[in-house]
Every structure is written in structure tokens, then in C-alpha cells.
Amino acid sequence: MRSLWIVLAFVTEYLVTFSVEASCPNLFVHHNASCYLFVNRGMSWQRAQQHCHSLGAHLATVTTSEENAFLVGYLKQQQAIFFGYDLWLGASDSLLDKTWRWVADDNSLVTYSDWSPGQPDGSYQGLERCLEYEAQYDLHWNDDECEDHDFFICERPFNPPTPPLLPHVG
């Protein structure tokens, strides 16, 4: 019985200690099942996507109104940094079929959207193929030329580490 209590005390202490360490990488912000990095450096859409990949992430995919409200709310709270800047998200209609797809999810269709009125319009000679939060439209969605230099949001899954298996006590 005494050895059972020692093992139980060890397991309890270990799991509590371990769970405290579960977090997003440095500078990423945790929300629900994702970690987000808000990057205040302008890059083309493709370069932003490459930068996110170098961090084990991708340009953010926004699949619900709740997720969209979180991201927009965060940007508005940080307006000293992000006010007046457009930010890339991870969708495009690069197939030129006017169908918007999330590039990080095997080109799954964009089913939730928060387009600004009249958007997407593919204007500027039909070259606007990449999705952004548009500052001028109060951070509603806009299609823009992919070579513009926008700030951007990276996203990666929040995967709390799993505690390793405990040694067999016998």
C-alpha cells in the first residue's frame, strides 16, 4: 500500500508540473485549438506563407465567425501596432475560377466569409487573388494583389504535449 501512495504522489506531481508547461511557442497567442502569430512586417502573400512555414505554421485560416471575431478583436486591441495595416490570411483564388480556397487545408473551399461589401471584386486587372483583412474596410475581408506587402497572421495547431509513459512500477 505504501508503494502505491508513493507512485500516486509521483504521478500527481509529475502531471501537474507537465501540464503547466503546455503553451504556444514564444510570441504566439493561444485561442481555442490554435496558436496565432501576428507579424508586423510587410511581405508578399507568398513570402508571408513561406515565413509562416519556417515557424511550423501557415497563413491563418478563418473558418468560423467566432474565430474571425477573436482575430479582429485582437488586432483592434493592438491598434498601436496594427492600425492602418492590411494583413494576409491563408486563402486565394489562384486557380482563377473565382472559388476561394484555404491553401493550408488541401485547398478546401472557404465556407465561412466576412467579405467587405462588393468584395471579392478581382479588380486591378483581375490580379487580386489573395485574401487579406483590409484596414480601410474595418478589417473585413478583401481580395488584393498577392505581390502587395502586407502584415500577416500565422497559425499553427495548439497541441499540448502528452506526458510520457511512466515507468512500470512493479
Protein backbone atom coordinates (compact mmCIF):
# COMPACT_ATOMS: atom_id res chain seq x y z
CA MET A 1 0.00 0.00 0.00
CA ARG A 2 2.86 2.37 0.84
CA SER A 3 4.42 1.93 -2.64
CA LEU A 4 1.04 2.74 -4.25
CA TRP A 5 0.90 6.09 -2.42
CA ILE A 6 4.44 6.95 -3.46
CA VAL A 7 3.63 6.18 -7.10
CA LEU A 8 0.35 8.13 -6.91
CA ALA A 9 2.14 11.13 -5.37
CA PHE A 10 4.80 10.97 -8.09
CA VAL A 11 2.19 10.73 -10.88
CA THR A 12 0.14 13.63 -9.49
CA GLU A 13 3.16 15.88 -9.08
CA TYR A 14 4.54 14.98 -12.50
CA LEU A 15 1.27 15.58 -14.37
CA VAL A 16 0.65 18.94 -12.67
CA THR A 17 4.17 20.08 -13.44
CA PHE A 18 3.91 18.83 -17.01
CA SER A 19 0.56 20.48 -17.77
CA VAL A 20 1.86 23.90 -16.70
CA GLU A 21 4.47 23.71 -19.47
CA ALA A 22 1.90 23.27 -22.26
CA SER A 23 1.81 26.50 -24.24
CA CYS A 24 2.15 28.08 -27.65
CA PRO A 25 5.61 28.90 -28.99
CA ASN A 26 7.11 32.21 -27.91
CA LEU A 27 5.18 35.26 -29.22
CA PHE A 28 2.26 33.12 -30.46
CA VAL A 29 -1.18 33.82 -28.94
CA HIS A 30 -3.31 30.84 -27.86
CA HIS A 31 -7.00 30.72 -28.76
CA ASN A 32 -9.08 27.52 -28.77
CA ALA A 33 -7.25 24.87 -30.80
CA SER A 34 -4.76 27.25 -32.44
CA CYS A 35 -1.75 29.42 -31.79
CA TYR A 36 -1.51 32.68 -33.77
CA LEU A 37 1.45 34.90 -34.55
CA PHE A 38 0.62 38.47 -35.60
CA VAL A 39 3.52 39.68 -37.76
CA ASN A 40 4.03 43.42 -38.19
CA ARG A 41 6.38 43.19 -41.14
CA GLY A 42 5.19 43.61 -44.71
CA MET A 43 5.71 40.79 -47.20
CA SER A 44 4.08 39.47 -50.33
CA TRP A 45 1.47 36.77 -49.74
CA GLN A 46 3.82 34.01 -50.94
CA ARG A 47 6.73 35.23 -48.79
CA ALA A 48 4.42 35.54 -45.77
CA GLN A 49 3.30 31.94 -46.31
CA GLN A 50 6.96 30.83 -46.52
CA HIS A 51 7.76 32.74 -43.34
CA CYS A 52 4.89 31.02 -41.53
CA HIS A 53 6.07 27.61 -42.81
CA SER A 54 9.55 28.30 -41.41
CA LEU A 55 7.85 28.58 -38.00
CA GLY A 56 5.87 25.35 -38.38
CA ALA A 57 2.73 27.32 -39.20
CA HIS A 58 0.71 28.59 -42.19
CA LEU A 59 -1.16 31.78 -43.02
CA ALA A 60 -4.26 31.84 -40.82
CA THR A 61 -7.42 30.06 -41.91
CA VAL A 62 -10.59 31.64 -40.55
CA THR A 63 -13.39 29.10 -40.55
CA THR A 64 -15.94 30.50 -38.07
CA SER A 65 -17.40 33.84 -37.06
CA GLU A 66 -16.07 33.25 -33.53
CA GLU A 67 -12.51 32.79 -34.81
CA ASN A 68 -12.86 35.87 -37.02
CA ALA A 69 -14.15 37.92 -34.06
CA PHE A 70 -11.18 36.81 -31.95
CA LEU A 71 -8.62 37.78 -34.61
CA VAL A 72 -10.25 41.13 -35.40
CA GLY A 73 -10.68 41.86 -31.68
CA TYR A 74 -7.01 41.11 -31.03
CA LEU A 75 -5.92 43.38 -33.88
CA LYS A 76 -8.11 46.20 -32.57
CA GLN A 77 -6.68 45.76 -29.06
CA GLN A 78 -3.20 46.06 -30.59
CA GLN A 79 -4.05 49.00 -32.80
CA ALA A 80 -0.91 50.90 -31.77
CA ILE A 81 0.92 48.27 -33.85
CA PHE A 82 -1.62 47.21 -36.48
CA PHE A 83 -3.83 50.28 -37.07
CA GLY A 84 -4.00 51.17 -40.77
CA TYR A 85 -2.28 48.00 -41.98
CA ASP A 86 -3.76 45.20 -44.08
CA LEU A 87 -2.97 41.61 -43.03
CA TRP A 88 -2.75 38.50 -45.18
CA LEU A 89 -4.87 35.44 -44.45
CA GLY A 90 -4.35 31.99 -45.96
CA ALA A 91 -6.86 31.82 -48.81
CA SER A 92 -6.62 32.57 -52.51
CA ASP A 93 -8.45 32.05 -55.77
CA SER A 94 -5.23 31.40 -57.63
CA LEU A 95 -6.93 28.78 -59.79
CA LEU A 96 -8.67 31.73 -61.49
CA ASP A 97 -12.07 30.08 -61.05
CA LYS A 98 -13.43 32.69 -58.59
CA THR A 99 -13.51 29.96 -55.94
CA TRP A 100 -11.68 30.85 -52.75
CA ARG A 101 -9.72 28.06 -51.07
CA TRP A 102 -7.67 27.72 -47.88
CA VAL A 103 -4.21 26.73 -49.07
CA ALA A 104 -3.19 25.15 -45.74
CA ASP A 105 -6.10 22.69 -45.74
CA ASP A 106 -5.53 20.86 -49.01
CA ASN A 107 -7.26 23.68 -50.87
CA SER A 108 -10.54 23.25 -49.00
CA LEU A 109 -13.27 25.67 -50.01
CA VAL A 110 -13.82 28.82 -47.98
CA THR A 111 -17.26 28.24 -46.48
CA TYR A 112 -17.33 30.98 -43.82
CA SER A 113 -16.53 34.51 -45.02
CA ASP A 114 -16.56 38.11 -43.85
CA TRP A 115 -16.17 39.96 -47.15
CA SER A 116 -16.46 43.72 -47.27
CA PRO A 117 -19.44 44.86 -49.36
CA GLY A 118 -18.64 44.44 -53.06
CA GLN A 119 -15.77 42.05 -52.38
CA PRO A 120 -14.19 39.98 -53.74
CA ASP A 121 -14.09 42.01 -56.91
CA GLY A 122 -10.87 40.80 -58.55
CA SER A 123 -10.16 44.40 -59.52
CA TYR A 124 -6.78 45.77 -60.57
CA GLN A 125 -6.88 43.95 -63.91
CA GLY A 126 -8.15 40.76 -62.29
CA LEU A 127 -4.92 40.29 -60.35
CA GLU A 128 -6.41 40.42 -56.85
CA ARG A 129 -6.16 36.74 -55.92
CA CYS A 130 -5.11 36.74 -52.23
CA LEU A 131 -7.19 37.23 -49.08
CA GLU A 132 -6.49 39.99 -46.58
CA TYR A 133 -8.02 41.82 -43.67
CA GLU A 134 -8.45 45.31 -45.14
CA ALA A 135 -7.79 48.17 -42.72
CA GLN A 136 -9.80 50.60 -44.84
CA TYR A 137 -12.83 48.29 -44.53
CA ASP A 138 -12.65 47.97 -40.71
CA LEU A 139 -10.81 44.63 -41.02
CA HIS A 140 -13.40 42.92 -43.18
CA TRP A 141 -12.11 40.66 -45.93
CA ASN A 142 -10.80 41.92 -49.25
CA ASP A 143 -9.09 40.38 -52.25
CA ASP A 144 -5.78 42.02 -53.06
CA GLU A 145 -2.83 41.67 -55.40
CA CYS A 146 -0.61 38.94 -53.96
CA GLU A 147 2.58 40.95 -54.52
CA ASP A 148 1.48 43.75 -52.16
CA HIS A 149 3.43 43.91 -48.93
CA ASP A 150 1.01 43.32 -46.07
CA PHE A 151 1.45 42.35 -42.44
CA PHE A 152 0.13 38.83 -41.79
CA ILE A 153 -1.13 36.25 -39.30
CA CYS A 154 0.43 32.78 -38.95
CA GLU A 155 -1.49 29.91 -37.38
CA ARG A 156 -0.45 26.53 -36.05
CA PRO A 157 -2.32 23.90 -34.05
CA PHE A 158 -2.22 24.08 -30.28
CA ASN A 159 -1.10 20.62 -29.29
CA PRO A 160 -0.42 20.39 -25.61
CA PRO A 161 2.36 17.90 -25.09
CA THR A 162 1.34 14.44 -23.97
CA PRO A 163 3.03 13.26 -20.81
CA PRO A 164 5.44 10.43 -21.50
CA LEU A 165 4.53 6.97 -20.27
CA LEU A 166 5.57 6.43 -16.68
CA PRO A 167 7.95 3.62 -15.92
CA HIS A 168 6.31 0.41 -14.82
CA VAL A 169 6.35 0.11 -11.04
CA GLY A 170 6.10 -3.43 -10.04
